[in-house]
C-alpha atoms as a PDB file:
ATOM      1  CA  ASP A   1      -9.028  21.265  -1.927  1.00  0.00           C
ATOM      2  CA  ASP A   2      -7.560  17.851  -2.768  1.00  0.00           C
ATOM      3  CA  TYR A   3      -5.240  17.488  -5.730  1.00  0.00           C
ATOM      4  CA  ASP A   4      -6.842  15.951  -8.810  1.00  0.00           C
ATOM      5  CA  GLY A   5      -3.714  15.727 -10.929  1.00  0.00           C
ATOM      6  CA  VAL A   6       0.093  15.709 -10.834  1.00  0.00           C
ATOM      7  CA  GLU A   7       2.735  17.007 -13.230  1.00  0.00           C
ATOM      8  CA  VAL A   8       6.491  16.646 -12.928  1.00  0.00           C
ATOM      9  CA  LYS A   9       9.179  19.077 -14.080  1.00  0.00           C
ATOM     10  CA  TYR A  10      12.650  17.695 -14.896  1.00  0.00           C
ATOM     11  CA  ILE A  11      15.708  18.530 -17.033  1.00  0.00           C
ATOM     12  CA  ASP A  12      15.579  16.248 -20.065  1.00  0.00           C
ATOM     13  CA  ALA A  13      18.843  14.560 -21.110  1.00  0.00           C
ATOM     14  CA  VAL A  14      18.012  14.939 -24.811  1.00  0.00           C
ATOM     15  CA  THR A  15      16.610  18.460 -25.054  1.00  0.00           C
ATOM     16  CA  ARG A  16      18.733  19.876 -22.191  1.00  0.00           C
ATOM     17  CA  ALA A  17      15.690  21.920 -21.259  1.00  0.00           C
ATOM     18  CA  GLU A  18      13.136  21.803 -18.496  1.00  0.00           C
ATOM     19  CA  GLU A  19      10.289  19.552 -19.565  1.00  0.00           C
ATOM     20  CA  VAL A  20       6.926  18.827 -17.999  1.00  0.00           C
ATOM     21  CA  VAL A  21       5.264  15.397 -18.010  1.00  0.00           C
ATOM     22  CA  ASP A  22       1.620  14.884 -17.095  1.00  0.00           C
ATOM     23  CA  CYS A  23       1.245  12.130 -14.486  1.00  0.00           C
ATOM     24  CA  SER A  24      -2.494  12.325 -13.898  1.00  0.00           C
ATOM     25  CA  LEU A  25      -4.680   9.244 -13.782  1.00  0.00           C
ATOM     26  CA  PRO A  26      -7.522   8.540 -16.226  1.00  0.00           C
ATOM     27  CA  GLY A  27     -10.580  10.506 -15.164  1.00  0.00           C
ATOM     28  CA  ASP A  28      -8.636  13.190 -13.282  1.00  0.00           C
ATOM     29  CA  ALA A  29     -10.240  16.622 -13.701  1.00  0.00           C
ATOM     30  CA  LYS A  30      -6.833  18.328 -13.372  1.00  0.00           C
ATOM     31  CA  GLN A  31      -8.336  21.458 -11.858  1.00  0.00           C
ATOM     32  CA  THR A  32      -6.002  21.403  -8.831  1.00  0.00           C
ATOM     33  CA  VAL A  33      -2.739  19.988 -10.143  1.00  0.00           C
ATOM     34  CA  GLN A  34       0.301  19.467  -7.932  1.00  0.00           C
ATOM     35  CA  THR A  35       3.549  20.396  -9.676  1.00  0.00           C
ATOM     36  CA  ILE A  36       6.685  18.548  -8.571  1.00  0.00           C
ATOM     37  CA  THR A  37      10.239  19.440  -9.587  1.00  0.00           C
ATOM     38  CA  VAL A  38      12.629  16.495  -9.426  1.00  0.00           C
ATOM     39  CA  LYS A  39      16.364  17.128  -9.364  1.00  0.00           C
ATOM     40  CA  GLY A  40      18.827  14.641 -10.783  1.00  0.00           C
ATOM     41  CA  VAL A  41      16.219  12.954 -12.984  1.00  0.00           C
ATOM     42  CA  THR A  42      16.848  13.349 -16.722  1.00  0.00           C
ATOM     43  CA  ASP A  43      14.660  10.583 -18.139  1.00  0.00           C
ATOM     44  CA  ARG A  44      11.013  11.235 -19.039  1.00  0.00           C
ATOM     45  CA  ASN A  45       9.884   7.748 -18.046  1.00  0.00           C
ATOM     46  CA  ARG A  46      11.573   8.020 -14.658  1.00  0.00           C
ATOM     47  CA  ALA A  47       9.999  11.412 -14.007  1.00  0.00           C
ATOM     48  CA  TRP A  48       6.588  10.060 -15.048  1.00  0.00           C
ATOM     49  CA  ARG A  49       6.896   7.039 -12.721  1.00  0.00           C
ATOM     50  CA  ILE A  50       7.725   9.310  -9.781  1.00  0.00           C
ATOM     51  CA  GLY A  51       4.725  11.467 -10.544  1.00  0.00           C
ATOM     52  CA  ARG A  52       2.401   8.531 -11.042  1.00  0.00           C
ATOM     53  CA  ARG A  53       3.383   7.077  -7.709  1.00  0.00           C
ATOM     54  CA  ARG A  54       2.674  10.442  -6.062  1.00  0.00           C
ATOM     55  CA  ARG A  55      -0.714  10.666  -7.756  1.00  0.00           C
ATOM     56  CA  ARG A  56      -1.629   7.097  -6.892  1.00  0.00           C
ATOM     57  CA  ALA A  57      -0.660   7.731  -3.271  1.00  0.00           C
ATOM     58  CA  GLN A  58      -2.991  10.717  -3.212  1.00  0.00           C
ATOM     59  CA  VAL A  59      -5.867   8.523  -4.415  1.00  0.00           C
ATOM     60  CA  TYR A  60      -5.228   5.233  -2.632  1.00  0.00           C
ATOM     61  CA  GLN A  61      -3.127   6.071   0.444  1.00  0.00           C
ATOM     62  CA  ASN A  62      -5.786   8.021   2.325  1.00  0.00           C
ATOM     63  CA  LYS A  63      -6.082   6.267   5.690  1.00  0.00           C
ATOM     64  CA  SER A  64      -4.063   7.158   8.778  1.00  0.00           C
ATOM     65  CA  TYR A  65      -3.369   5.146  11.925  1.00  0.00           C
ATOM     66  CA  SER A  66      -1.913   5.963  15.314  1.00  0.00           C
ATOM     67  CA  TRP A  67      -1.284   3.896  18.423  1.00  0.00           C
ATOM     68  CA  GLY A  68       0.913   3.606  21.450  1.00  0.00           C
ATOM     69  CA  THR A  69       3.012   0.597  22.318  1.00  0.00           C
ATOM     70  CA  GLU A  70       6.124  -0.378  24.222  1.00  0.00           C
ATOM     71  CA  TYR A  71       9.639  -0.353  22.814  1.00  0.00           C
ATOM     72  CA  SER A  72       8.657  -2.951  20.200  1.00  0.00           C
ATOM     73  CA  ALA A  73       7.979  -0.077  17.825  1.00  0.00           C
ATOM     74  CA  LEU A  74      11.646   0.896  17.789  1.00  0.00           C
ATOM     75  CA  ASN A  75      12.514  -2.005  15.470  1.00  0.00           C
ATOM     76  CA  SER A  76      10.740  -0.150  12.641  1.00  0.00           C
ATOM     77  CA  GLY A  77      11.995   2.671  10.462  1.00  0.00           C
ATOM     78  CA  TYR A  78      10.459   5.186   8.107  1.00  0.00           C
ATOM     79  CA  LEU A  79       8.013   3.423   5.748  1.00  0.00           C
ATOM     80  CA  SER A  80       8.602   0.028   7.356  1.00  0.00           C
ATOM     81  CA  TYR A  81       5.757  -2.357   6.553  1.00  0.00           C
ATOM     82  CA  CYS A  82       3.714  -3.548   9.522  1.00  0.00           C
ATOM     83  CA  ALA A  83       0.624  -5.698   9.949  1.00  0.00           C
ATOM     84  CA  VAL A  84      -1.483  -4.201  12.734  1.00  0.00           C
ATOM     85  CA  ALA A  85      -4.804  -5.048  14.350  1.00  0.00           C
ATOM     86  CA  ASP A  86      -7.367  -3.632  16.733  1.00  0.00           C
ATOM     87  CA  ASP A  87     -10.291  -5.005  18.739  1.00  0.00           C
ATOM     88  CA  ILE A  88     -13.036  -4.333  16.179  1.00  0.00           C
ATOM     89  CA  PRO A  89     -15.036  -7.579  15.694  1.00  0.00           C
ATOM     90  CA  GLY A  90     -14.651  -9.146  12.286  1.00  0.00           C
ATOM     91  CA  TYR A  91     -11.044  -8.086  11.766  1.00  0.00           C
ATOM     92  CA  GLY A  92      -7.808  -9.760  12.828  1.00  0.00           C
ATOM     93  CA  GLN A  93      -7.405 -11.232  16.305  1.00  0.00           C
ATOM     94  CA  SER A  94      -4.121 -11.002  18.183  1.00  0.00           C
ATOM     95  CA  ALA A  95      -2.811 -13.581  20.640  1.00  0.00           C
ATOM     96  CA  VAL A  96       0.406 -15.150  21.899  1.00  0.00           C
ATOM     97  CA  LEU A  97       1.770 -18.468  20.647  1.00  0.00           C
ATOM     98  CA  VAL A  98       1.852 -20.796  23.664  1.00  0.00           C
ATOM     99  CA  GLY A  99       2.441 -24.156  22.007  1.00  0.00           C
ATOM    100  CA  LEU A 100       3.858 -25.690  18.834  1.00  0.00           C
ATOM    101  CA  THR A 101       4.009 -29.269  17.578  1.00  0.00           C
ATOM    102  CA  ALA A 102       5.350 -30.401  14.195  1.00  0.00           C
ATOM    103  CA  GLY A 103       4.576 -33.721  12.577  1.00  0.00           C
ATOM    104  CA  ASN A 104       2.833 -35.484   9.689  1.00  0.00           C
ATOM    105  CA  GLY A 105       3.667 -32.600   7.369  1.00  0.00           C
ATOM    106  CA  LEU A 106       1.832 -30.040   9.508  1.00  0.00           C
ATOM    107  CA  VAL A 107       2.657 -27.520  12.216  1.00  0.00           C
ATOM    108  CA  LEU A 108       0.168 -27.290  15.077  1.00  0.00           C
ATOM    109  CA  LEU A 109      -0.056 -23.847  16.689  1.00  0.00           C
ATOM    110  CA  GLU A 110      -1.752 -23.175  20.038  1.00  0.00           C
ATOM    111  CA  SER A 111      -3.108 -19.707  20.775  1.00  0.00           C
ATOM    112  CA  SER A 112      -3.416 -18.030  24.156  1.00  0.00           C
ATOM    113  CA  GLU A 113      -6.866 -16.760  23.122  1.00  0.00           C
ATOM    114  CA  PRO A 114      -9.886 -18.476  21.558  1.00  0.00           C
ATOM    115  CA  LEU A 115     -10.052 -17.874  17.812  1.00  0.00           C
ATOM    116  CA  THR A 116     -13.224 -17.030  15.901  1.00  0.00           C
ATOM    117  CA  TRP A 117     -13.755 -18.977  12.681  1.00  0.00           C
ATOM    118  CA  LYS A 118     -16.297 -17.962  10.037  1.00  0.00           C
ATOM    119  CA  PRO A 119     -17.812 -20.966   8.229  1.00  0.00           C
ATOM    120  CA  GLY A 120     -17.113 -21.140   4.515  1.00  0.00           C
ATOM    121  CA  THR A 121     -14.304 -18.581   4.682  1.00  0.00           C
ATOM    122  CA  SER A 122     -10.558 -19.015   4.232  1.00  0.00           C
ATOM    123  CA  HIS A 123      -8.467 -18.028   7.260  1.00  0.00           C
ATOM    124  CA  VAL A 124      -4.802 -17.187   7.686  1.00  0.00           C
ATOM    125  CA  VAL A 125      -2.372 -16.586  10.509  1.00  0.00           C
ATOM    126  CA  GLY A 126       0.733 -14.409  10.715  1.00  0.00           C
ATOM    127  CA  LEU A 127       3.446 -14.684  13.357  1.00  0.00           C
ATOM    128  CA  ARG A 128       5.902 -12.129  14.672  1.00  0.00           C
ATOM    129  CA  ARG A 129       9.511 -13.264  14.333  1.00  0.00           C
ATOM    130  CA  PRO A 130      12.045 -12.351  17.058  1.00  0.00           C
ATOM    131  CA  ASP A 131      13.240  -9.379  14.978  1.00  0.00           C
ATOM    132  CA  GLY A 132       9.682  -8.044  14.711  1.00  0.00           C
ATOM    133  CA  THR A 133       9.088  -8.901  11.050  1.00  0.00           C
ATOM    134  CA  VAL A 134       5.992 -10.762   9.871  1.00  0.00           C
ATOM    135  CA  SER A 135       6.060 -14.451   9.016  1.00  0.00           C
ATOM    136  CA  GLY A 136       3.172 -15.291   6.732  1.00  0.00           C
ATOM    137  CA  PRO A 137       0.281 -14.990   6.389  1.00  0.00           C
ATOM    138  CA  TRP A 138      -0.088 -18.770   6.264  1.00  0.00           C
ATOM    139  CA  PRO A 139      -3.310 -20.597   5.315  1.00  0.00           C
ATOM    140  CA  ALA A 140      -4.797 -21.956   8.547  1.00  0.00           C
ATOM    141  CA  LYS A 141      -7.040 -24.950   9.291  1.00  0.00           C
ATOM    142  CA  ARG A 142      -9.100 -25.221  12.461  1.00  0.00           C
ATOM    143  CA  VAL A 143      -8.463 -27.918  15.062  1.00  0.00           C
ATOM    144  CA  ASP A 144     -10.424 -26.388  17.950  1.00  0.00           C
ATOM    145  CA  ASP A 145     -11.018 -22.949  19.466  1.00  0.00           C
ATOM    146  CA  PHE A 146      -7.390 -22.581  20.550  1.00  0.00           C
ATOM    147  CA  ARG A 147      -5.482 -24.652  18.001  1.00  0.00           C
ATOM    148  CA  LEU A 148      -4.894 -24.518  14.249  1.00  0.00           C
ATOM    149  CA  THR A 149      -2.539 -26.068  11.725  1.00  0.00           C
ATOM    150  CA  VAL A 150      -0.374 -24.633   8.948  1.00  0.00           C
ATOM    151  CA  LEU A 151       1.711 -26.516   6.409  1.00  0.00           C
ATOM    152  CA  ALA A 152       5.043 -24.969   7.449  1.00  0.00           C
ATOM    153  CA  LEU A 153       6.774 -21.956   8.993  1.00  0.00           C
ATOM    154  CA  ASP A 154       9.856 -20.115   7.760  1.00  0.00           C
ATOM    155  CA  PHE A 155      11.424 -19.764  11.222  1.00  0.00           C
ATOM    156  CA  SER A 156      11.680 -21.705  14.485  1.00  0.00           C
ATOM    157  CA  PRO A 157       9.572 -20.008  17.196  1.00  0.00           C
ATOM    158  CA  ASP A 158      11.237 -19.649  20.599  1.00  0.00           C
ATOM    159  CA  LEU A 159       8.774 -20.637  23.336  1.00  0.00           C
ATOM    160  CA  SER A 160      11.319 -20.770  26.149  1.00  0.00           C
ATOM    161  CA  TRP A 161      10.099 -17.427  27.597  1.00  0.00           C
ATOM    162  CA  GLU A 162      13.732 -16.309  27.728  1.00  0.00           C
ATOM    163  CA  ILE A 163      12.538 -13.836  25.114  1.00  0.00           C
ATOM    164  CA  GLU A 164       8.979 -12.726  24.391  1.00  0.00           C
ATOM    165  CA  PRO A 165       7.189 -15.513  22.496  1.00  0.00           C
ATOM    166  CA  PRO A 166       5.790 -14.911  19.019  1.00  0.00           C
ATOM    167  CA  HIS A 167       2.520 -13.038  18.698  1.00  0.00           C
ATOM    168  CA  LEU A 168      -0.193 -14.350  16.389  1.00  0.00           C
ATOM    169  CA  LEU A 169      -2.413 -12.331  14.093  1.00  0.00           C
ATOM    170  CA  PHE A 170      -5.346 -14.433  12.890  1.00  0.00           C
ATOM    171  CA  GLY A 171      -8.376 -13.735  10.745  1.00  0.00           C
ATOM    172  CA  GLU A 172     -10.139 -14.074   7.418  1.00  0.00           C
ATOM    173  CA  ALA A 173      -7.780 -14.129   4.438  1.00  0.00           C
ATOM    174  CA  THR A 174      -8.980 -10.726   3.226  1.00  0.00           C
ATOM    175  CA  ARG A 175      -9.281  -9.042   6.652  1.00  0.00           C
ATOM    176  CA  TRP A 176      -6.584 -10.532   8.866  1.00  0.00           C
ATOM    177  CA  CYS A 177      -4.727  -7.248   9.390  1.00  0.00           C
ATOM    178  CA  TYR A 178      -4.429  -3.582   8.495  1.00  0.00           C
ATOM    179  CA  PRO A 179      -1.328  -3.356   6.268  1.00  0.00           C
ATOM    180  CA  VAL A 180       0.445  -0.080   7.055  1.00  0.00           C
ATOM    181  CA  LEU A 181       3.641   1.864   6.394  1.00  0.00           C
ATOM    182  CA  ILE A 182       5.222   3.594   9.391  1.00  0.00           C
ATOM    183  CA  THR A 183       5.537   7.370   9.030  1.00  0.00           C
ATOM    184  CA  SER A 184       6.532   8.439  12.544  1.00  0.00           C
ATOM    185  CA  ILE A 185       7.823   6.921  15.796  1.00  0.00           C
ATOM    186  CA  GLN A 186       8.121   9.093  18.893  1.00  0.00           C
ATOM    187  CA  PRO A 187       9.875   7.310  21.805  1.00  0.00           C
ATOM    188  CA  GLY A 188       8.763   8.127  25.328  1.00  0.00           C
ATOM    189  CA  ASP A 189       9.371   6.747  28.802  1.00  0.00           C
ATOM    190  CA  TYR A 190       9.086   2.974  28.314  1.00  0.00           C
ATOM    191  CA  SER A 191       6.742   3.483  25.362  1.00  0.00           C
ATOM    192  CA  ALA A 192       6.472   4.845  21.839  1.00  0.00           C
ATOM    193  CA  ASP A 193       3.796   6.644  19.855  1.00  0.00           C
ATOM    194  CA  VAL A 194       3.446   5.450  16.269  1.00  0.00           C
ATOM    195  CA  GLU A 195       1.780   6.931  13.198  1.00  0.00           C
ATOM    196  CA  ALA A 196       1.247   5.190   9.877  1.00  0.00           C
ATOM    197  CA  VAL A 197      -0.601   5.274   6.556  1.00  0.00           C
ATOM    198  CA  ASN A 198      -2.288   2.401   4.786  1.00  0.00           C
ATOM    199  CA  TYR A 199      -0.261   0.244   2.417  1.00  0.00           C
ATOM    200  CA  ASP A 200      -1.943  -0.208  -0.973  1.00  0.00           C
ATOM    201  CA  VAL A 201      -0.295  -2.136  -3.806  1.00  0.00           C
ATOM    202  CA  ARG A 202      -2.027   0.118  -6.363  1.00  0.00           C
ATOM    203  CA  VAL A 203       0.339   2.939  -5.406  1.00  0.00           C
ATOM    204  CA  TYR A 204       3.168   1.094  -7.216  1.00  0.00           C
ATOM    205  CA  ALA A 205       1.236  -0.101 -10.279  1.00  0.00           C
ATOM    206  CA  ASP A 206       3.142   2.154 -12.718  1.00  0.00           C
ATOM    207  CA  ASP A 207       6.649   1.634 -11.350  1.00  0.00           C
ATOM    208  CA  ASN A 208       7.701  -0.369 -14.446  1.00  0.00           C
ATOM    209  CA  ASN A 209       5.427   1.277 -17.020  1.00  0.00           C
ATOM    210  CA  PHE A 210       6.321   3.942 -19.549  1.00  0.00           C
ATOM    211  CA  ALA A 211       5.073   7.473 -20.055  1.00  0.00           C
ATOM    212  CA  PRO A 212       2.587   7.855 -22.886  1.00  0.00           C
ATOM    213  CA  ASN A 213       3.770   9.721 -25.975  1.00  0.00           C
END
């Protein structure tokens, strides 16, 4: 029942007629094609890019996520990018930043939780800024189970506890988080329910390309 092709209808600026552009990907069977009509678009390349993004989303944006949290979720909007984690071993670990020291060209970060390092693997760490956005990921070097170093940060963490301190998200460079785009936030009493889909850079691969002749 899944779509295996996309075509876009638009009013062409040259012909002044409704045209159809095929936006399917190589290898698509095109037996169940989704037809999209775009209003206000008069350029074939623009219509094709819209359709290609839709088709690529159908292929690559096929994971869904849901979780509950406190009011922190309310700093996000529709399709806001977030880096999220869970407690599955081997993926990103979350913790709170409890100490920071800068010197000798490095920034030493201290975690509230012990961090698991995999020998022979590159690791990174991301930090939550006060506005909720992600700082990093930054390449990380081990000092001990609770401490690591990075070369620099792009903000000054507040560890005064007058506001909530930064959270850390740590892990292997290729598995440190689940990158997601927020699709729904439902506020409740002192909490919020969040839904999201996976972020995949391949969805946008044709944004600057041109429709084939």
